[in-house]
Amino acid sequence: LRCPAVCRLDPYDGLPESYLIHGGRTPNNEISSSLYMLTTDSRGCNRKLTLCCKERELVGEVPGARYGHTMSMVQSRGKTACVLFGGRSYMPAGERTTESWNSVVDCPPQVFLFDLEFGCSSAHTLPELSDGLSFHLALAREDCVYILGGHSLTSDSRPPRLFRLRVELLQGSPLLSCDTLETGISISSAMITRTGPTHRYIILGGYQSDSQKRMDCSTVIVNEKGIHLEPLESPQWTPDITHSRTW
């Protein structure tokens, strides 16, 4: 699968660290809607580490096939849920022509929320999220998900947006709200890695436009006060990275 959404699950209730994998584009250009859970297993006399991948079924308002989207885990009121947003998919079958048969479009800007225990999924529309977005970054802490950057096919732009999505897992139905923050950056397809046990990250690579790579690096800190982005000194890029059009 190319460009699926991947989300890490911390160990809980004696279960090992695991990863959720949703969607993606196959080498045959088929777009997946499947959800998998990848876990490690070190049982047995020789304690050999193996990977176990199982498909998980969702019911309700299920996200369609897509790629270039994100998934994040939120915690609220002692419960956890998975938040899915963005991505691209093929143009709906009823709108395709021979010339546009393989054309992709932004998925509707809905937020999908699902729990892993029962597999129930629900879709939510928020007025602040008015455009589709793909290849953005998502960082989660407790009940908040920060959505940073991304590319919009509709406007063919990388707007410097930063959203804070808050999820309250109330009894009955969840409550979602969204704020637009002023400290976003124009970037898509960037890599992000967590640097330790705290919510401190490094953003590396990505694109500022279709023909311009982003050579700067950034540090992101997410704490109880919000999100903070700071410039980070870039490494000495080798010539093959500097002159290449792709990362």
Protein backbone atom coordinates (compact mmCIF):
# COMPACT_ATOMS: atom_id res chain seq x y z
CA LEU A 1 0.00 0.00 0.00
CA ARG A 2 1.24 3.47 -0.89
CA CYS A 3 0.37 6.49 1.28
CA PRO A 4 -1.92 4.79 3.80
CA ALA A 5 -2.80 6.40 7.14
CA VAL A 6 -0.73 4.88 9.96
CA CYS A 7 -1.36 5.40 13.65
CA ARG A 8 0.58 4.04 16.64
CA LEU A 9 -1.25 2.53 19.60
CA ASP A 10 0.51 2.55 22.96
CA PRO A 11 0.47 -0.70 24.94
CA TYR A 12 -2.65 -1.08 27.12
CA ASP A 13 -4.40 -3.81 29.15
CA GLY A 14 -1.42 -6.11 28.71
CA LEU A 15 -1.55 -5.79 24.92
CA PRO A 16 1.66 -4.97 23.04
CA GLU A 17 2.41 -1.85 21.05
CA SER A 18 0.50 -1.94 17.77
CA TYR A 19 -0.24 0.09 14.66
CA LEU A 20 -3.40 0.85 12.73
CA ILE A 21 -3.16 0.99 8.93
CA HIS A 22 -6.04 2.33 6.87
CA GLY A 23 -6.44 2.77 3.13
CA GLY A 24 -3.61 3.39 0.69
CA ARG A 25 -3.02 2.91 -3.01
CA THR A 26 -1.85 -0.42 -4.35
CA PRO A 27 0.76 -0.87 -7.12
CA ASN A 28 -2.17 -1.59 -9.46
CA ASN A 29 -3.62 1.87 -8.62
CA GLU A 30 -6.50 0.39 -6.66
CA ILE A 31 -7.44 2.45 -3.60
CA SER A 32 -8.16 0.55 -0.40
CA SER A 33 -10.76 1.13 2.30
CA SER A 34 -9.49 -1.64 4.60
CA LEU A 35 -8.40 -1.18 8.20
CA TYR A 36 -5.66 -3.40 9.61
CA MET A 37 -4.07 -3.76 13.03
CA LEU A 38 -0.39 -4.69 13.05
CA THR A 39 1.00 -6.14 16.30
CA THR A 40 4.18 -7.83 17.45
CA ASP A 41 4.24 -11.25 19.08
CA SER A 42 7.28 -12.58 20.95
CA ARG A 43 5.77 -15.71 22.51
CA GLY A 44 7.28 -19.16 22.20
CA CYS A 45 10.31 -20.90 23.61
CA ASN A 46 12.81 -18.94 21.51
CA ARG A 47 11.01 -15.58 22.01
CA LYS A 48 11.20 -14.99 18.27
CA LEU A 49 9.59 -11.70 17.31
CA THR A 50 6.89 -11.99 14.67
CA LEU A 51 4.44 -9.55 13.14
CA CYS A 52 0.72 -10.25 13.12
CA CYS A 53 -1.65 -8.32 10.84
CA LYS A 54 -5.43 -8.63 11.16
CA GLU A 55 -8.18 -6.82 9.31
CA ARG A 56 -10.66 -4.92 11.48
CA GLU A 57 -14.25 -4.39 10.41
CA LEU A 58 -16.04 -1.07 10.85
CA VAL A 59 -19.80 -0.48 10.97
CA GLY A 60 -21.89 2.67 10.71
CA GLU A 61 -20.68 5.68 8.72
CA VAL A 62 -17.53 4.07 7.36
CA PRO A 63 -14.79 6.10 5.62
CA GLY A 64 -14.46 5.24 1.96
CA ALA A 65 -11.35 4.17 0.08
CA ARG A 66 -8.63 6.82 0.18
CA TYR A 67 -4.93 7.55 0.46
CA GLY A 68 -2.83 10.49 1.68
CA HIS A 69 -4.97 10.89 4.83
CA THR A 70 -4.17 10.72 8.56
CA MET A 71 -5.30 8.81 11.63
CA SER A 72 -4.74 9.85 15.23
CA MET A 73 -5.67 8.48 18.66
CA VAL A 74 -7.43 10.74 21.18
CA GLN A 75 -8.21 10.20 24.86
CA SER A 76 -11.15 11.79 26.66
CA ARG A 77 -13.02 10.96 29.86
CA GLY A 78 -11.20 7.67 30.23
CA LYS A 79 -12.04 6.52 26.71
CA THR A 80 -10.07 6.37 23.48
CA ALA A 81 -11.08 6.80 19.86
CA CYS A 82 -9.45 7.03 16.45
CA VAL A 83 -9.78 10.19 14.36
CA LEU A 84 -9.48 9.97 10.56
CA PHE A 85 -9.36 12.99 8.26
CA GLY A 86 -8.59 13.96 4.66
CA GLY A 87 -7.23 12.01 1.75
CA ARG A 88 -7.87 11.50 -1.94
CA SER A 89 -9.90 9.01 -3.87
CA TYR A 90 -11.07 8.37 -7.39
CA MET A 91 -13.77 10.57 -8.85
CA PRO A 92 -17.23 9.08 -8.14
CA ALA A 93 -18.25 6.54 -10.76
CA GLY A 94 -21.25 8.61 -11.87
CA GLU A 95 -19.01 11.59 -12.67
CA ARG A 96 -16.27 9.78 -14.57
CA THR A 97 -15.69 10.04 -18.27
CA THR A 98 -13.27 8.14 -20.47
CA GLU A 99 -10.74 10.96 -20.15
CA SER A 100 -11.13 11.31 -16.36
CA TRP A 101 -11.50 7.64 -15.45
CA ASN A 102 -8.37 7.58 -13.29
CA SER A 103 -8.67 11.15 -11.99
CA VAL A 104 -8.49 11.62 -8.23
CA VAL A 105 -10.30 14.21 -6.13
CA ASP A 106 -10.16 15.44 -2.57
CA CYS A 107 -12.33 13.41 -0.23
CA PRO A 108 -15.10 15.47 1.44
CA PRO A 109 -13.71 17.28 4.52
CA GLN A 110 -15.43 15.03 7.03
CA VAL A 111 -13.96 13.82 10.30
CA PHE A 112 -14.48 10.12 11.00
CA LEU A 113 -14.43 8.87 14.55
CA PHE A 114 -14.38 5.20 15.45
CA ASP A 115 -13.70 3.04 18.47
CA LEU A 116 -11.63 -0.10 18.25
CA GLU A 117 -13.56 -2.13 20.81
CA PHE A 118 -16.88 -2.23 18.93
CA GLY A 119 -15.79 -0.99 15.50
CA CYS A 120 -18.47 1.73 15.37
CA SER A 121 -17.70 4.60 13.00
CA SER A 122 -19.37 8.00 12.71
CA ALA A 123 -18.86 10.92 10.29
CA HIS A 124 -18.83 14.56 11.40
CA THR A 125 -18.93 17.79 9.39
CA LEU A 126 -17.43 20.95 10.87
CA PRO A 127 -17.80 24.43 9.29
CA GLU A 128 -14.11 25.27 9.80
CA LEU A 129 -13.08 22.30 7.64
CA SER A 130 -14.56 23.46 4.35
CA ASP A 131 -12.00 22.07 1.87
CA GLY A 132 -10.55 18.66 1.24
CA LEU A 133 -6.96 18.15 2.29
CA SER A 134 -4.32 15.51 1.63
CA PHE A 135 -0.72 14.75 2.59
CA HIS A 136 -1.02 16.90 5.70
CA LEU A 137 0.39 16.22 9.16
CA ALA A 138 -1.62 15.28 12.24
CA LEU A 139 -0.35 15.39 15.83
CA ALA A 140 -2.48 14.26 18.77
CA ARG A 141 -2.28 14.94 22.49
CA GLU A 142 -5.04 13.84 24.88
CA ASP A 143 -8.35 15.07 23.38
CA CYS A 144 -6.86 17.31 20.64
CA VAL A 145 -5.61 16.66 17.11
CA TYR A 146 -3.60 19.34 15.33
CA ILE A 147 -3.89 19.25 11.52
CA LEU A 148 -0.99 21.04 9.85
CA GLY A 149 -0.32 21.93 6.21
CA GLY A 150 -1.50 19.70 3.38
CA HIS A 151 -2.40 20.06 -0.29
CA SER A 152 -5.80 20.92 -1.71
CA LEU A 153 -6.53 19.67 -5.23
CA THR A 154 -9.51 22.01 -5.58
CA SER A 155 -7.34 25.13 -5.29
CA ASP A 156 -4.04 23.41 -6.20
CA SER A 157 -2.45 25.05 -3.18
CA ARG A 158 -0.73 24.33 0.11
CA PRO A 159 -2.44 26.80 2.41
CA PRO A 160 -0.51 27.57 5.62
CA ARG A 161 -3.31 26.30 7.81
CA LEU A 162 -3.30 24.86 11.29
CA PHE A 163 -6.45 23.43 12.83
CA ARG A 164 -7.04 22.23 16.37
CA LEU A 165 -9.69 19.55 16.49
CA ARG A 166 -11.04 18.79 19.97
CA VAL A 167 -12.93 15.55 20.63
CA GLU A 168 -14.98 15.05 23.78
CA LEU A 169 -16.07 11.45 24.17
CA LEU A 170 -19.32 12.10 25.98
CA GLN A 171 -21.75 9.42 27.02
CA GLY A 172 -23.97 8.76 24.04
CA SER A 173 -22.56 10.80 21.17
CA PRO A 174 -19.17 12.58 20.93
CA LEU A 175 -18.82 16.35 20.72
CA LEU A 176 -16.35 17.73 18.16
CA SER A 177 -15.16 21.32 17.80
CA CYS A 178 -12.50 22.96 15.63
CA ASP A 179 -10.40 26.11 15.90
CA THR A 180 -8.28 27.73 13.20
CA LEU A 181 -4.85 28.77 14.52
CA GLU A 182 -2.48 31.33 13.07
CA THR A 183 0.87 29.52 13.16
CA GLY A 184 0.57 27.11 10.26
CA ILE A 185 3.14 26.43 7.55
CA SER A 186 2.76 25.76 3.83
CA ILE A 187 3.91 22.16 3.44
CA SER A 188 2.76 18.79 2.14
CA SER A 189 4.11 15.23 2.09
CA ALA A 190 6.50 15.95 4.95
CA MET A 191 7.99 13.41 7.32
CA ILE A 192 7.46 13.79 11.04
CA THR A 193 9.05 11.83 13.87
CA ARG A 194 8.68 11.90 17.63
CA THR A 195 11.99 12.47 19.40
CA GLY A 196 11.24 11.05 22.86
CA PRO A 197 8.57 10.24 25.44
CA THR A 198 7.27 13.83 25.43
CA HIS A 199 5.22 15.30 22.60
CA ARG A 200 8.20 16.78 20.79
CA TYR A 201 8.56 16.22 17.05
CA ILE A 202 10.80 17.06 14.11
CA ILE A 203 9.34 17.92 10.68
CA LEU A 204 11.62 17.06 7.78
CA GLY A 205 11.29 17.33 4.02
CA GLY A 206 8.06 17.89 2.14
CA TYR A 207 7.09 20.34 -0.58
CA GLN A 208 6.29 24.06 -0.62
CA SER A 209 5.04 23.80 -4.22
CA ASP A 210 4.93 21.19 -6.96
CA SER A 211 8.43 22.16 -8.06
CA GLN A 212 9.97 23.33 -4.79
CA LYS A 213 11.06 21.05 -1.99
CA ARG A 214 11.09 22.28 1.58
CA MET A 215 14.69 22.16 2.73
CA ASP A 216 14.04 23.69 6.16
CA CYS A 217 13.39 21.67 9.31
CA SER A 218 11.09 22.48 12.21
CA THR A 219 10.62 21.42 15.81
CA VAL A 220 7.05 20.99 17.04
CA ILE A 221 6.13 20.86 20.72
CA VAL A 222 2.60 19.93 21.79
CA ASN A 223 1.78 20.52 25.46
CA GLU A 224 -1.12 21.55 27.68
CA LYS A 225 -0.83 25.14 26.41
CA GLY A 226 -1.15 24.21 22.74
CA ILE A 227 1.23 23.71 19.84
CA HIS A 228 4.52 25.53 19.22
CA LEU A 229 6.56 25.46 16.00
CA GLU A 230 10.18 26.54 15.98
CA PRO A 231 12.77 26.55 13.17
CA LEU A 232 15.50 23.93 13.48
CA GLU A 233 18.94 24.11 11.93
CA SER A 234 18.95 21.96 8.83
CA PRO A 235 21.64 19.35 8.19
CA GLN A 236 24.19 19.68 5.43
CA TRP A 237 22.20 18.14 2.60
CA THR A 238 24.15 16.04 0.13
CA PRO A 239 24.13 17.22 -3.52
CA ASP A 240 21.88 14.39 -4.66
CA ILE A 241 19.22 15.54 -2.17
CA THR A 242 19.70 19.24 -2.92
CA HIS A 243 19.39 18.89 -6.71
CA SER A 244 16.75 16.18 -6.84
CA ARG A 245 13.12 17.16 -7.42
CA THR A 246 11.86 14.42 -5.14
CA TRP A 247 12.61 13.32 -1.60
